[in-house]
Amino acid sequence: TGPAFLLNAASFAAVLFGISRMNVAALYRAEPTPR
């Protein structure tokens, strides 16, 4: 089972790469809720 956990840990790099490469200006951002 150990290698399965390690492979999952490595897989998070994919979603982090995708988020970091997004064009922020093209997002349809909702207005943040003020405190």
PDB file of all heavy atoms in Angstrom:
ATOM      1  N   THR A   1       0.800  -1.233   0.000  1.00  0.00           N
ATOM      2  CA  THR A   1       0.000   0.000   0.000  1.00  0.00           C
ATOM      3  C   THR A   1       0.831   1.281   0.000  1.00  0.00           C
ATOM      4  O   THR A   1       0.381   2.323  -0.474  1.00  0.00           O
ATOM      5  CB  THR A   1      -0.927   0.026   1.224  1.00  0.00           C
ATOM      6  OG1 THR A   1      -0.145  -0.131   2.409  1.00  0.00           O
ATOM      7  CG2 THR A   1      -1.956  -1.088   1.155  1.00  0.00           C
ATOM      8  N   GLY A   2       2.062   1.227   0.539  1.00  0.00           N
ATOM      9  CA  GLY A   2       2.872   2.439   0.672  1.00  0.00           C
ATOM     10  C   GLY A   2       3.069   3.211  -0.617  1.00  0.00           C
ATOM     11  O   GLY A   2       2.840   4.433  -0.667  1.00  0.00           O
ATOM     12  N   PRO A   3       3.501   2.566  -1.705  1.00  0.00           N
ATOM     13  CA  PRO A   3       3.698   3.303  -2.958  1.00  0.00           C
ATOM     14  C   PRO A   3       2.436   3.972  -3.481  1.00  0.00           C
ATOM     15  O   PRO A   3       2.514   4.998  -4.164  1.00  0.00           O
ATOM     16  CB  PRO A   3       4.193   2.209  -3.916  1.00  0.00           C
ATOM     17  CG  PRO A   3       4.868   1.216  -3.028  1.00  0.00           C
ATOM     18  CD  PRO A   3       4.039   1.196  -1.781  1.00  0.00           C
ATOM     19  N   ALA A   4       1.262   3.409  -3.197  1.00  0.00           N
ATOM     20  CA  ALA A   4       0.022   4.050  -3.641  1.00  0.00           C
ATOM     21  C   ALA A   4      -0.148   5.419  -2.981  1.00  0.00           C
ATOM     22  O   ALA A   4      -0.577   6.384  -3.619  1.00  0.00           O
ATOM     23  CB  ALA A   4      -1.180   3.152  -3.321  1.00  0.00           C
ATOM     24  N   PHE A   5       0.201   5.508  -1.697  1.00  0.00           N
ATOM     25  CA  PHE A   5       0.124   6.796  -1.000  1.00  0.00           C
ATOM     26  C   PHE A   5       1.139   7.791  -1.568  1.00  0.00           C
ATOM     27  O   PHE A   5       0.848   8.978  -1.738  1.00  0.00           O
ATOM     28  CB  PHE A   5       0.360   6.616   0.496  1.00  0.00           C
ATOM     29  CG  PHE A   5      -0.656   5.743   1.179  1.00  0.00           C
ATOM     30  CD1 PHE A   5      -0.262   4.613   1.869  1.00  0.00           C
ATOM     31  CD2 PHE A   5      -2.004   6.041   1.125  1.00  0.00           C
ATOM     32  CE1 PHE A   5      -1.191   3.802   2.507  1.00  0.00           C
ATOM     33  CE2 PHE A   5      -2.945   5.242   1.756  1.00  0.00           C
ATOM     34  CZ  PHE A   5      -2.546   4.125   2.444  1.00  0.00           C
ATOM     35  N   LEU A   6       2.323   7.320  -1.872  1.00  0.00           N
ATOM     36  CA  LEU A   6       3.361   8.206  -2.413  1.00  0.00           C
ATOM     37  C   LEU A   6       2.979   8.722  -3.800  1.00  0.00           C
ATOM     38  O   LEU A   6       3.224   9.899  -4.126  1.00  0.00           O
ATOM     39  CB  LEU A   6       4.705   7.477  -2.462  1.00  0.00           C
ATOM     40  CG  LEU A   6       5.282   7.072  -1.103  1.00  0.00           C
ATOM     41  CD1 LEU A   6       6.583   6.288  -1.286  1.00  0.00           C
ATOM     42  CD2 LEU A   6       5.518   8.298  -0.223  1.00  0.00           C
ATOM     43  N   LEU A   7       2.393   7.866  -4.617  1.00  0.00           N
ATOM     44  CA  LEU A   7       1.937   8.304  -5.936  1.00  0.00           C
ATOM     45  C   LEU A   7       0.827   9.341  -5.817  1.00  0.00           C
ATOM     46  O   LEU A   7       0.771  10.305  -6.599  1.00  0.00           O
ATOM     47  CB  LEU A   7       1.459   7.103  -6.754  1.00  0.00           C
ATOM     48  CG  LEU A   7       2.555   6.178  -7.289  1.00  0.00           C
ATOM     49  CD1 LEU A   7       1.944   4.927  -7.919  1.00  0.00           C
ATOM     50  CD2 LEU A   7       3.412   6.915  -8.324  1.00  0.00           C
ATOM     51  N   ASN A   8      -0.052   9.172  -4.846  1.00  0.00           N
ATOM     52  CA  ASN A   8      -1.092  10.179  -4.639  1.00  0.00           C
ATOM     53  C   ASN A   8      -0.473  11.515  -4.236  1.00  0.00           C
ATOM     54  O   ASN A   8      -0.904  12.572  -4.705  1.00  0.00           O
ATOM     55  CB  ASN A   8      -2.080   9.721  -3.560  1.00  0.00           C
ATOM     56  CG  ASN A   8      -3.160  10.757  -3.302  1.00  0.00           C
ATOM     57  OD1 ASN A   8      -3.713  11.338  -4.234  1.00  0.00           O
ATOM     58  ND2 ASN A   8      -3.456  11.007  -2.042  1.00  0.00           N
ATOM     59  N   ALA A   9       0.519  11.490  -3.367  1.00  0.00           N
ATOM     60  CA  ALA A   9       1.191  12.734  -2.970  1.00  0.00           C
ATOM     61  C   ALA A   9       1.764  13.456  -4.189  1.00  0.00           C
ATOM     62  O   ALA A   9       1.635  14.678  -4.332  1.00  0.00           O
ATOM     63  CB  ALA A   9       2.297  12.428  -1.962  1.00  0.00           C
ATOM     64  N   ALA A  10       2.373  12.691  -5.093  1.00  0.00           N
ATOM     65  CA  ALA A  10       2.951  13.295  -6.301  1.00  0.00           C
ATOM     66  C   ALA A  10       1.878  13.848  -7.228  1.00  0.00           C
ATOM     67  O   ALA A  10       2.105  14.837  -7.945  1.00  0.00           O
ATOM     68  CB  ALA A  10       3.799  12.255  -7.040  1.00  0.00           C
ATOM     69  N   SER A  11       0.696  13.253  -7.221  1.00  0.00           N
ATOM     70  CA  SER A  11      -0.363  13.671  -8.152  1.00  0.00           C
ATOM     71  C   SER A  11      -0.890  15.072  -7.878  1.00  0.00           C
ATOM     72  O   SER A  11      -1.457  15.715  -8.768  1.00  0.00           O
ATOM     73  CB  SER A  11      -1.525  12.668  -8.111  1.00  0.00           C
ATOM     74  OG  SER A  11      -2.288  12.801  -6.919  1.00  0.00           O
ATOM     75  N   PHE A  12      -0.719  15.573  -6.660  1.00  0.00           N
ATOM     76  CA  PHE A  12      -1.199  16.921  -6.355  1.00  0.00           C
ATOM     77  C   PHE A  12      -0.430  17.986  -7.128  1.00  0.00           C
ATOM     78  O   PHE A  12      -0.918  19.113  -7.299  1.00  0.00           O
ATOM     79  CB  PHE A  12      -1.102  17.188  -4.843  1.00  0.00           C
ATOM     80  CG  PHE A  12      -2.198  16.540  -4.043  1.00  0.00           C
ATOM     81  CD1 PHE A  12      -2.008  15.289  -3.479  1.00  0.00           C
ATOM     82  CD2 PHE A  12      -3.414  17.176  -3.868  1.00  0.00           C
ATOM     83  CE1 PHE A  12      -3.015  14.680  -2.752  1.00  0.00           C
ATOM     84  CE2 PHE A  12      -4.429  16.577  -3.149  1.00  0.00           C
ATOM     85  CZ  PHE A  12      -4.233  15.330  -2.582  1.00  0.00           C
ATOM     86  N   ALA A  13       0.768  17.650  -7.601  1.00  0.00           N
ATOM     87  CA  ALA A  13       1.537  18.608  -8.390  1.00  0.00           C
ATOM     88  C   ALA A  13       0.809  18.987  -9.672  1.00  0.00           C
ATOM     89  O   ALA A  13       0.932  20.107 -10.167  1.00  0.00           O
ATOM     90  CB  ALA A  13       2.916  18.037  -8.711  1.00  0.00           C
ATOM     91  N   ALA A  14       0.011  18.082 -10.224  1.00  0.00           N
ATOM     92  CA  ALA A  14      -0.685  18.350 -11.483  1.00  0.00           C
ATOM     93  C   ALA A  14      -1.719  19.451 -11.327  1.00  0.00           C
ATOM     94  O   ALA A  14      -1.797  20.382 -12.145  1.00  0.00           O
ATOM     95  CB  ALA A  14      -1.354  17.071 -12.002  1.00  0.00           C
ATOM     96  N   VAL A  15      -2.535  19.376 -10.281  1.00  0.00           N
ATOM     97  CA  VAL A  15      -3.561  20.395 -10.089  1.00  0.00           C
ATOM     98  C   VAL A  15      -2.931  21.729  -9.690  1.00  0.00           C
ATOM     99  O   VAL A  15      -3.397  22.800 -10.090  1.00  0.00           O
ATOM    100  CB  VAL A  15      -4.620  19.927  -9.062  1.00  0.00           C
ATOM    101  CG1 VAL A  15      -4.083  19.909  -7.651  1.00  0.00           C
ATOM    102  CG2 VAL A  15      -5.863  20.796  -9.132  1.00  0.00           C
ATOM    103  N   LEU A  16      -1.843  21.683  -8.936  1.00  0.00           N
ATOM    104  CA  LEU A  16      -1.144  22.926  -8.581  1.00  0.00           C
ATOM    105  C   LEU A  16      -0.559  23.597  -9.817  1.00  0.00           C
ATOM    106  O   LEU A  16      -0.611  24.824  -9.961  1.00  0.00           O
ATOM    107  CB  LEU A  16      -0.044  22.634  -7.558  1.00  0.00           C
ATOM    108  CG  LEU A  16      -0.528  22.273  -6.143  1.00  0.00           C
ATOM    109  CD1 LEU A  16       0.640  21.766  -5.300  1.00  0.00           C
ATOM    110  CD2 LEU A  16      -1.175  23.493  -5.487  1.00  0.00           C
ATOM    111  N   PHE A  17      -0.023  22.804 -10.733  1.00  0.00           N
ATOM    112  CA  PHE A  17       0.506  23.359 -11.979  1.00  0.00           C
ATOM    113  C   PHE A  17      -0.613  23.996 -12.789  1.00  0.00           C
ATOM    114  O   PHE A  17      -0.465  25.111 -13.306  1.00  0.00           O
ATOM    115  CB  PHE A  17       1.187  22.254 -12.790  1.00  0.00           C
ATOM    116  CG  PHE A  17       1.633  22.695 -14.152  1.00  0.00           C
ATOM    117  CD1 PHE A  17       2.807  23.409 -14.309  1.00  0.00           C
ATOM    118  CD2 PHE A  17       0.868  22.410 -15.285  1.00  0.00           C
ATOM    119  CE1 PHE A  17       3.214  23.833 -15.573  1.00  0.00           C
ATOM    120  CE2 PHE A  17       1.265  22.817 -16.548  1.00  0.00           C
ATOM    121  CZ  PHE A  17       2.445  23.531 -16.692  1.00  0.00           C
ATOM    122  N   GLY A  18      -1.758  23.315 -12.912  1.00  0.00           N
ATOM    123  CA  GLY A  18      -2.866  23.854 -13.679  1.00  0.00           C
ATOM    124  C   GLY A  18      -3.379  25.170 -13.125  1.00  0.00           C
ATOM    125  O   GLY A  18      -3.622  26.124 -13.867  1.00  0.00           O
ATOM    126  N   ILE A  19      -3.538  25.252 -11.799  1.00  0.00           N
ATOM    127  CA  ILE A  19      -4.028  26.484 -11.173  1.00  0.00           C
ATOM    128  C   ILE A  19      -3.033  27.620 -11.370  1.00  0.00           C
ATOM    129  O   ILE A  19      -3.418  28.760 -11.664  1.00  0.00           O
ATOM    130  CB  ILE A  19      -4.291  26.240  -9.673  1.00  0.00           C
ATOM    131  CG1 ILE A  19      -5.454  25.263  -9.483  1.00  0.00           C
ATOM    132  CG2 ILE A  19      -4.605  27.550  -8.959  1.00  0.00           C
ATOM    133  CD1 ILE A  19      -5.657  24.839  -8.042  1.00  0.00           C
ATOM    134  N   SER A  20      -1.757  27.323 -11.240  1.00  0.00           N
ATOM    135  CA  SER A  20      -0.734  28.374 -11.348  1.00  0.00           C
ATOM    136  C   SER A  20      -0.620  28.931 -12.764  1.00  0.00           C
ATOM    137  O   SER A  20      -0.190  30.080 -12.956  1.00  0.00           O
ATOM    138  CB  SER A  20       0.619  27.836 -10.892  1.00  0.00           C
ATOM    139  OG  SER A  20       1.093  26.833 -11.778  1.00  0.00           O
ATOM    140  N   ARG A  21      -0.997  28.152 -13.785  1.00  0.00           N
ATOM    141  CA  ARG A  21      -0.866  28.574 -15.179  1.00  0.00           C
ATOM    142  C   ARG A  21      -2.121  29.262 -15.718  1.00  0.00           C
ATOM    143  O   ARG A  21      -2.152  29.665 -16.875  1.00  0.00           O
ATOM    144  CB  ARG A  21      -0.555  27.359 -16.052  1.00  0.00           C
ATOM    145  CG  ARG A  21       0.758  26.667 -15.719  1.00  0.00           C
ATOM    146  CD  ARG A  21       1.951  27.504 -16.103  1.00  0.00           C
ATOM    147  NE  ARG A  21       2.034  27.674 -17.560  1.00  0.00           N
ATOM    148  CZ  ARG A  21       2.932  28.429 -18.166  1.00  0.00           C
ATOM    149  NH1 ARG A  21       3.800  29.130 -17.446  1.00  0.00           N
ATOM    150  NH2 ARG A  21       2.945  28.510 -19.475  1.00  0.00           N
ATOM    151  N   MET A  22      -3.159  29.426 -14.914  1.00  0.00           N
ATOM    152  CA  MET A  22      -4.403  30.023 -15.400  1.00  0.00           C
ATOM    153  C   MET A  22      -4.238  31.509 -15.702  1.00  0.00           C
ATOM    154  O   MET A  22      -3.432  32.211 -15.082  1.00  0.00           O
ATOM    155  CB  MET A  22      -5.513  29.850 -14.360  1.00  0.00           C
ATOM    156  CG  MET A  22      -6.080  28.462 -14.289  1.00  0.00           C
ATOM    157  SD  MET A  22      -7.460  28.385 -13.127  1.00  0.00           S
ATOM    158  CE  MET A  22      -7.963  26.677 -13.335  1.00  0.00           C
ATOM    159  N   ASN A  23      -5.044  31.973 -16.673  1.00  0.00           N
ATOM    160  CA  ASN A  23      -5.118  33.399 -16.991  1.00  0.00           C
ATOM    161  C   ASN A  23      -6.103  34.042 -16.015  1.00  0.00           C
ATOM    162  O   ASN A  23      -7.322  33.917 -16.161  1.00  0.00           O
ATOM    163  CB  ASN A  23      -5.590  33.596 -18.431  1.00  0.00           C
ATOM    164  CG  ASN A  23      -5.712  35.057 -18.810  1.00  0.00           C
ATOM    165  OD1 ASN A  23      -5.401  35.959 -18.027  1.00  0.00           O
ATOM    166  ND2 ASN A  23      -6.176  35.316 -20.025  1.00  0.00           N
ATOM    167  N   VAL A  24      -5.584  34.723 -15.013  1.00  0.00           N
ATOM    168  CA  VAL A  24      -6.425  35.277 -13.944  1.00  0.00           C
ATOM    169  C   VAL A  24      -7.414  36.295 -14.499  1.00  0.00           C
ATOM    170  O   VAL A  24      -8.560  36.383 -14.042  1.00  0.00           O
ATOM    171  CB  VAL A  24      -5.538  35.899 -12.845  1.00  0.00           C
ATOM    172  CG1 VAL A  24      -6.390  36.542 -11.752  1.00  0.00           C
ATOM    173  CG2 VAL A  24      -4.612  34.844 -12.251  1.00  0.00           C
ATOM    174  N   ALA A  25      -7.002  37.075 -15.497  1.00  0.00           N
ATOM    175  CA  ALA A  25      -7.878  38.105 -16.058  1.00  0.00           C
ATOM    176  C   ALA A  25      -9.111  37.521 -16.734  1.00  0.00           C
ATOM    177  O   ALA A  25     -10.124  38.211 -16.897  1.00  0.00           O
ATOM    178  CB  ALA A  25      -7.096  38.963 -17.045  1.00  0.00           C
ATOM    179  N   ALA A  26      -9.061  36.246 -17.144  1.00  0.00           N
ATOM    180  CA  ALA A  26     -10.180  35.618 -17.851  1.00  0.00           C
ATOM    181  C   ALA A  26     -11.156  34.920 -16.911  1.00  0.00           C
ATOM    182  O   ALA A  26     -12.149  34.356 -17.367  1.00  0.00           O
ATOM    183  CB  ALA A  26      -9.657  34.625 -18.883  1.00  0.00           C
ATOM    184  N   LEU A  27     -10.905  34.961 -15.601  1.00  0.00           N
ATOM    185  CA  LEU A  27     -11.806  34.334 -14.643  1.00  0.00           C
ATOM    186  C   LEU A  27     -13.056  35.184 -14.427  1.00  0.00           C
ATOM    187  O   LEU A  27     -13.008  36.406 -14.505  1.00  0.00           O
ATOM    188  CB  LEU A  27     -11.100  34.114 -13.303  1.00  0.00           C
ATOM    189  CG  LEU A  27      -9.915  33.136 -13.305  1.00  0.00           C
ATOM    190  CD1 LEU A  27      -9.234  33.123 -11.941  1.00  0.00           C
ATOM    191  CD2 LEU A  27     -10.363  31.732 -13.683  1.00  0.00           C
ATOM    192  N   TYR A  28     -14.175  34.537 -14.141  1.00  0.00           N
ATOM    193  CA  TYR A  28     -15.448  35.216 -13.861  1.00  0.00           C
ATOM    194  C   TYR A  28     -15.603  35.326 -12.345  1.00  0.00           C
ATOM    195  O   TYR A  28     -16.426  34.650 -11.730  1.00  0.00           O
ATOM    196  CB  TYR A  28     -16.618  34.436 -14.463  1.00  0.00           C
ATOM    197  CG  TYR A  28     -16.553  34.299 -15.961  1.00  0.00           C
ATOM    198  CD1 TYR A  28     -15.776  33.301 -16.554  1.00  0.00           C
ATOM    199  CD2 TYR A  28     -17.260  35.173 -16.783  1.00  0.00           C
ATOM    200  CE1 TYR A  28     -15.712  33.166 -17.934  1.00  0.00           C
ATOM    201  CE2 TYR A  28     -17.198  35.046 -18.167  1.00  0.00           C
ATOM    202  CZ  TYR A  28     -16.423  34.047 -18.733  1.00  0.00           C
ATOM    203  OH  TYR A  28     -16.360  33.916 -20.094  1.00  0.00           O
ATOM    204  N   ARG A  29     -14.819  36.188 -11.757  1.00  0.00           N
ATOM    205  CA  ARG A  29     -14.743  36.242 -10.297  1.00  0.00           C
ATOM    206  C   ARG A  29     -15.980  36.893  -9.682  1.00  0.00           C
ATOM    207  O   ARG A  29     -16.454  37.935 -10.157  1.00  0.00           O
ATOM    208  CB  ARG A  29     -13.505  37.013  -9.858  1.00  0.00           C
ATOM    209  CG  ARG A  29     -12.207  36.236 -10.077  1.00  0.00           C
ATOM    210  CD  ARG A  29     -11.021  37.042  -9.605  1.00  0.00           C
ATOM    211  NE  ARG A  29      -9.829  36.222  -9.486  1.00  0.00           N
ATOM    212  CZ  ARG A  29      -8.650  36.684  -9.104  1.00  0.00           C
ATOM    213  NH1 ARG A  29      -8.515  37.971  -8.801  1.00  0.00           N
ATOM    214  NH2 ARG A  29      -7.616  35.880  -9.012  1.00  0.00           N
ATOM    215  N   ALA A  30     -16.470  36.255  -8.623  1.00  0.00           N
ATOM    216  CA  ALA A  30     -17.543  36.858  -7.840  1.00  0.00           C
ATOM    217  C   ALA A  30     -16.937  37.895  -6.897  1.00  0.00           C
ATOM    218  O   ALA A  30     -15.778  37.781  -6.487  1.00  0.00           O
ATOM    219  CB  ALA A  30     -18.270  35.793  -7.033  1.00  0.00           C
ATOM    220  N   GLU A  31     -17.719  38.918  -6.557  1.00  0.00           N
ATOM    221  CA  GLU A  31     -17.255  39.920  -5.612  1.00  0.00           C
ATOM    222  C   GLU A  31     -17.025  39.276  -4.255  1.00  0.00           C
ATOM    223  O   GLU A  31     -17.915  38.590  -3.735  1.00  0.00           O
ATOM    224  CB  GLU A  31     -18.284  41.043  -5.481  1.00  0.00           C
ATOM    225  CG  GLU A  31     -18.287  42.028  -6.643  1.00  0.00           C
ATOM    226  CD  GLU A  31     -16.980  42.816  -6.725  1.00  0.00           C
ATOM    227  OE1 GLU A  31     -16.440  43.205  -5.658  1.00  0.00           O
ATOM    228  OE2 GLU A  31     -16.483  43.019  -7.846  1.00  0.00           O
ATOM    229  N   PRO A  32     -15.833  39.467  -3.654  1.00  0.00           N
ATOM    230  CA  PRO A  32     -15.579  38.868  -2.339  1.00  0.00           C
ATOM    231  C   PRO A  32     -16.557  39.408  -1.299  1.00  0.00           C
ATOM    232  O   PRO A  32     -16.936  40.584  -1.335  1.00  0.00           O
ATOM    233  CB  PRO A  32     -14.141  39.289  -2.022  1.00  0.00           C
ATOM    234  CG  PRO A  32     -13.538  39.677  -3.331  1.00  0.00           C
ATOM    235  CD  PRO A  32     -14.661  40.209  -4.161  1.00  0.00           C
ATOM    236  N   THR A  33     -16.961  38.546  -0.400  1.00  0.00           N
ATOM    237  CA  THR A  33     -17.829  38.975   0.689  1.00  0.00           C
ATOM    238  C   THR A  33     -17.008  39.746   1.705  1.00  0.00           C
ATOM    239  O   THR A  33     -16.013  39.227   2.221  1.00  0.00           O
ATOM    240  CB  THR A  33     -18.471  37.749   1.375  1.00  0.00           C
ATOM    241  OG1 THR A  33     -19.261  37.053   0.420  1.00  0.00           O
ATOM    242  CG2 THR A  33     -19.340  38.173   2.553  1.00  0.00           C
ATOM    243  N   PRO A  34     -17.348  41.013   1.991  1.00  0.00           N
ATOM    244  CA  PRO A  34     -16.569  41.788   2.961  1.00  0.00           C
ATOM    245  C   PRO A  34     -16.734  41.221   4.366  1.00  0.00           C
ATOM    246  O   PRO A  34     -17.699  40.522   4.674  1.00  0.00           O
ATOM    247  CB  PRO A  34     -17.174  43.196   2.855  1.00  0.00           C
ATOM    248  CG  PRO A  34     -18.561  42.966   2.354  1.00  0.00           C
ATOM    249  CD  PRO A  34     -18.491  41.767   1.458  1.00  0.00           C
ATOM    250  N   ARG A  35     -15.774  41.544   5.229  1.00  0.00           N
ATOM    251  CA  ARG A  35     -15.870  41.109   6.611  1.00  0.00           C
ATOM    252  C   ARG A  35     -17.092  41.719   7.286  1.00  0.00           C
ATOM    253  O   ARG A  35     -17.463  42.859   7.002  1.00  0.00           O
ATOM    254  CB  ARG A  35     -14.612  41.507   7.385  1.00  0.00           C
ATOM    255  CG  ARG A  35     -13.381  40.694   7.015  1.00  0.00           C
ATOM    256  CD  ARG A  35     -12.189  41.106   7.861  1.00  0.00           C
ATOM    257  NE  ARG A  35     -11.047  40.251   7.609  1.00  0.00           N
ATOM    258  CZ  ARG A  35     -10.803  39.111   8.229  1.00  0.00           C
ATOM    259  NH1 ARG A  35     -11.645  38.693   9.162  1.00  0.00           N
ATOM    260  NH2 ARG A  35      -9.742  38.395   7.949  1.00  0.00           N
TER     261      ARG A  35
END
